[in-house]
Amino acid sequence: MRISEDDWESQRDIRTAALADAPDMFGSTLADALTFDEADWRYGIRSTTCWQLRAAGMPVGMVRLSVRDAGGAWAQVLPAAPGRTAYLISMYVAPQVRGTGAGEQLVAVAAAEAKRLGYRQLWLDVATHNTAAARLYERVGFRWAEPPPDQAPDDRHCELSMVLDL
């Protein structure tokens, strides 16, 4: 389900759970997330397009769609235009629902939104040691690629780029 700013508490809960479970898979840290206040969480939701997968009303997965401009800066999700690249970010599936198709569902919703907005490709970066995520992305059609021009991956995680043609 797509979330709004009013879902900031559940987004905080799933994001901090993700950072605790897989601290070396994201561009931020649990310590950083724990300093965020309500305004920070609301801004994070407002500046991207966010979805959660829920079980019994509780978030068990998340994904966000974001956009980078030609200079590599993150920007609010807007319709496709020259110099904008759609990115799948912050993908997380809780251990108790891994292997159930939850990851595929989250990727599908982000890809459908990117396509609806007119993007022809959806990009992501994955840590070299995150083989389970890489296998998931390959299963749903992503292929390995060089980063888009002017958009080097985050060296902190030795990330590799993947792209899905929409």
Protein backbone atom coordinates (compact mmCIF):
# COMPACT_ATOMS: atom_id res chain seq x y z
CA MET A 1 0.00 0.00 0.00
CA ARG A 2 1.17 3.48 -0.83
CA ILE A 3 1.75 5.50 2.31
CA SER A 4 1.31 9.17 3.12
CA GLU A 5 2.93 11.47 5.63
CA ASP A 6 0.34 10.37 8.17
CA ASP A 7 2.00 6.94 8.13
CA TRP A 8 5.26 8.39 9.42
CA GLU A 9 5.25 6.25 12.59
CA SER A 10 4.92 2.96 10.73
CA GLN A 11 7.59 4.13 8.28
CA ARG A 12 9.86 4.96 11.20
CA ASP A 13 9.22 1.51 12.66
CA ILE A 14 9.94 -0.47 9.47
CA ARG A 15 12.94 1.68 8.55
CA THR A 16 14.57 1.35 11.96
CA ALA A 17 13.84 -2.41 11.92
CA ALA A 18 15.51 -2.62 8.50
CA LEU A 19 18.56 -0.68 9.66
CA ALA A 20 18.87 -2.88 12.76
CA ASP A 21 18.47 -6.10 10.74
CA ALA A 22 20.73 -5.16 7.82
CA PRO A 23 22.91 -2.23 8.88
CA ASP A 24 25.31 -2.46 5.95
CA MET A 25 22.68 -2.56 3.21
CA PHE A 26 21.43 1.03 3.32
CA GLY A 27 22.84 4.49 2.71
CA SER A 28 22.01 5.63 6.24
CA THR A 29 22.50 4.17 9.68
CA LEU A 30 20.27 3.24 12.58
CA ALA A 31 22.05 5.87 14.67
CA ASP A 32 21.07 8.50 12.09
CA ALA A 33 17.45 7.30 11.93
CA LEU A 34 17.09 7.40 15.71
CA THR A 35 17.81 11.15 15.66
CA PHE A 36 14.93 11.89 13.26
CA ASP A 37 11.83 13.59 14.58
CA GLU A 38 8.31 13.54 13.16
CA ALA A 39 9.10 16.33 10.69
CA ASP A 40 12.08 14.39 9.32
CA TRP A 41 10.00 11.23 8.79
CA ARG A 42 7.21 13.20 7.14
CA TYR A 43 9.71 14.90 4.83
CA GLY A 44 11.20 11.53 3.82
CA ILE A 45 7.78 10.28 2.79
CA ARG A 46 6.85 13.53 1.05
CA SER A 47 10.09 13.71 -0.95
CA THR A 48 9.81 10.17 -2.35
CA THR A 49 7.00 7.80 -3.19
CA CYS A 50 6.75 5.11 -0.51
CA TRP A 51 4.97 1.81 -0.17
CA GLN A 52 4.71 -0.67 2.67
CA LEU A 53 3.69 -4.27 2.69
CA ARG A 54 1.70 -5.08 5.82
CA ALA A 55 0.70 -8.25 7.61
CA ALA A 56 -1.88 -8.08 10.40
CA GLY A 57 -1.70 -4.28 10.09
CA MET A 58 2.04 -4.14 10.77
CA PRO A 59 4.66 -3.15 8.17
CA VAL A 60 6.76 -6.13 7.05
CA GLY A 61 8.30 -4.59 3.94
CA MET A 62 8.99 -1.27 2.29
CA VAL A 63 10.25 0.27 -0.91
CA ARG A 64 10.64 3.82 -2.13
CA LEU A 65 10.78 5.38 -5.57
CA SER A 66 13.01 8.38 -6.01
CA VAL A 67 14.54 10.36 -8.85
CA ARG A 68 18.04 11.61 -9.49
CA ASP A 69 18.65 14.59 -11.70
CA ALA A 70 21.42 14.82 -14.29
CA GLY A 71 23.88 16.04 -11.67
CA GLY A 72 23.27 13.05 -9.41
CA ALA A 73 21.23 14.90 -6.76
CA TRP A 74 18.11 13.22 -5.35
CA ALA A 75 14.90 14.99 -6.29
CA GLN A 76 11.20 14.61 -5.65
CA VAL A 77 9.47 12.02 -7.80
CA LEU A 78 8.15 13.78 -10.89
CA PRO A 79 7.12 12.66 -14.36
CA ALA A 80 9.93 11.56 -16.64
CA ALA A 81 11.99 14.29 -18.29
CA PRO A 82 15.43 14.48 -19.90
CA GLY A 83 18.11 14.15 -17.26
CA ARG A 84 15.95 12.41 -14.65
CA THR A 85 16.51 8.81 -13.64
CA ALA A 86 14.03 6.73 -11.61
CA TYR A 87 15.53 4.75 -8.73
CA LEU A 88 14.17 2.00 -6.53
CA ILE A 89 15.60 2.66 -3.05
CA SER A 90 15.21 1.54 0.57
CA MET A 91 13.95 -1.93 -0.36
CA TYR A 92 13.45 -4.13 2.68
CA VAL A 93 11.55 -7.33 3.44
CA ALA A 94 11.35 -8.53 7.06
CA PRO A 95 12.81 -11.99 7.73
CA GLN A 96 9.43 -13.53 8.57
CA VAL A 97 8.05 -12.83 5.06
CA ARG A 98 11.13 -13.47 2.95
CA GLY A 99 10.56 -16.14 0.33
CA THR A 100 6.81 -15.44 0.13
CA GLY A 101 6.82 -13.16 -2.91
CA ALA A 102 6.81 -10.01 -0.77
CA GLY A 103 9.92 -8.62 -2.48
CA GLU A 104 8.47 -9.22 -5.91
CA GLN A 105 5.28 -7.37 -4.89
CA LEU A 106 7.22 -4.35 -3.67
CA VAL A 107 9.38 -4.17 -6.80
CA ALA A 108 6.29 -4.51 -9.01
CA VAL A 109 4.49 -1.57 -7.43
CA ALA A 110 7.53 0.72 -7.71
CA ALA A 111 8.15 -0.35 -11.32
CA ALA A 112 4.50 0.23 -12.24
CA GLU A 113 4.61 3.75 -10.79
CA ALA A 114 7.86 4.58 -12.61
CA LYS A 115 6.34 3.35 -15.86
CA ARG A 116 3.12 5.31 -15.23
CA LEU A 117 5.23 8.45 -14.81
CA GLY A 118 6.85 7.85 -18.19
CA TYR A 119 10.21 6.40 -17.21
CA ARG A 120 11.61 3.77 -19.55
CA GLN A 121 13.97 2.29 -16.98
CA LEU A 122 14.13 1.75 -13.24
CA TRP A 123 17.57 1.70 -11.63
CA LEU A 124 18.84 0.47 -8.28
CA ASP A 125 22.11 -0.05 -6.47
CA VAL A 126 22.78 -3.22 -4.54
CA ALA A 127 25.67 -3.98 -2.18
CA THR A 128 28.10 -6.49 -3.65
CA HIS A 129 27.60 -8.84 -0.69
CA ASN A 130 23.79 -8.72 -0.80
CA THR A 131 23.41 -11.78 -3.01
CA ALA A 132 19.85 -12.58 -1.91
CA ALA A 133 18.64 -9.15 -3.05
CA ALA A 134 20.59 -9.41 -6.31
CA ARG A 135 18.93 -12.78 -7.04
CA LEU A 136 15.50 -11.26 -6.38
CA TYR A 137 16.20 -8.35 -8.70
CA GLU A 138 17.45 -10.69 -11.44
CA ARG A 139 14.31 -12.86 -11.08
CA VAL A 140 12.06 -9.88 -11.73
CA GLY A 141 14.03 -8.75 -14.78
CA PHE A 142 16.76 -6.40 -13.60
CA ARG A 143 20.11 -6.75 -15.33
CA TRP A 144 23.59 -5.66 -14.29
CA ALA A 145 24.65 -2.30 -15.71
CA GLU A 146 27.14 0.49 -15.42
CA PRO A 147 25.73 3.39 -13.37
CA PRO A 148 23.83 6.00 -15.38
CA PRO A 149 26.09 8.84 -16.61
CA ASP A 150 27.18 11.23 -13.84
CA GLN A 151 25.70 8.96 -11.16
CA ALA A 152 28.42 6.94 -9.48
CA PRO A 153 27.29 4.36 -6.92
CA ASP A 154 27.82 4.87 -3.19
CA ASP A 155 31.36 3.62 -2.49
CA ARG A 156 30.48 3.06 1.18
CA HIS A 157 28.76 -0.18 0.24
CA CYS A 158 30.70 -1.11 -2.90
CA GLU A 159 27.36 -0.95 -4.65
CA LEU A 160 26.67 -2.30 -8.10
CA SER A 161 24.01 -0.94 -10.43
CA MET A 162 21.11 -2.83 -11.95
CA VAL A 163 18.46 -1.64 -14.38
CA LEU A 164 14.99 -2.82 -15.38
CA ASP A 165 13.55 -1.87 -18.74
CA LEU A 166 9.93 -0.82 -18.26
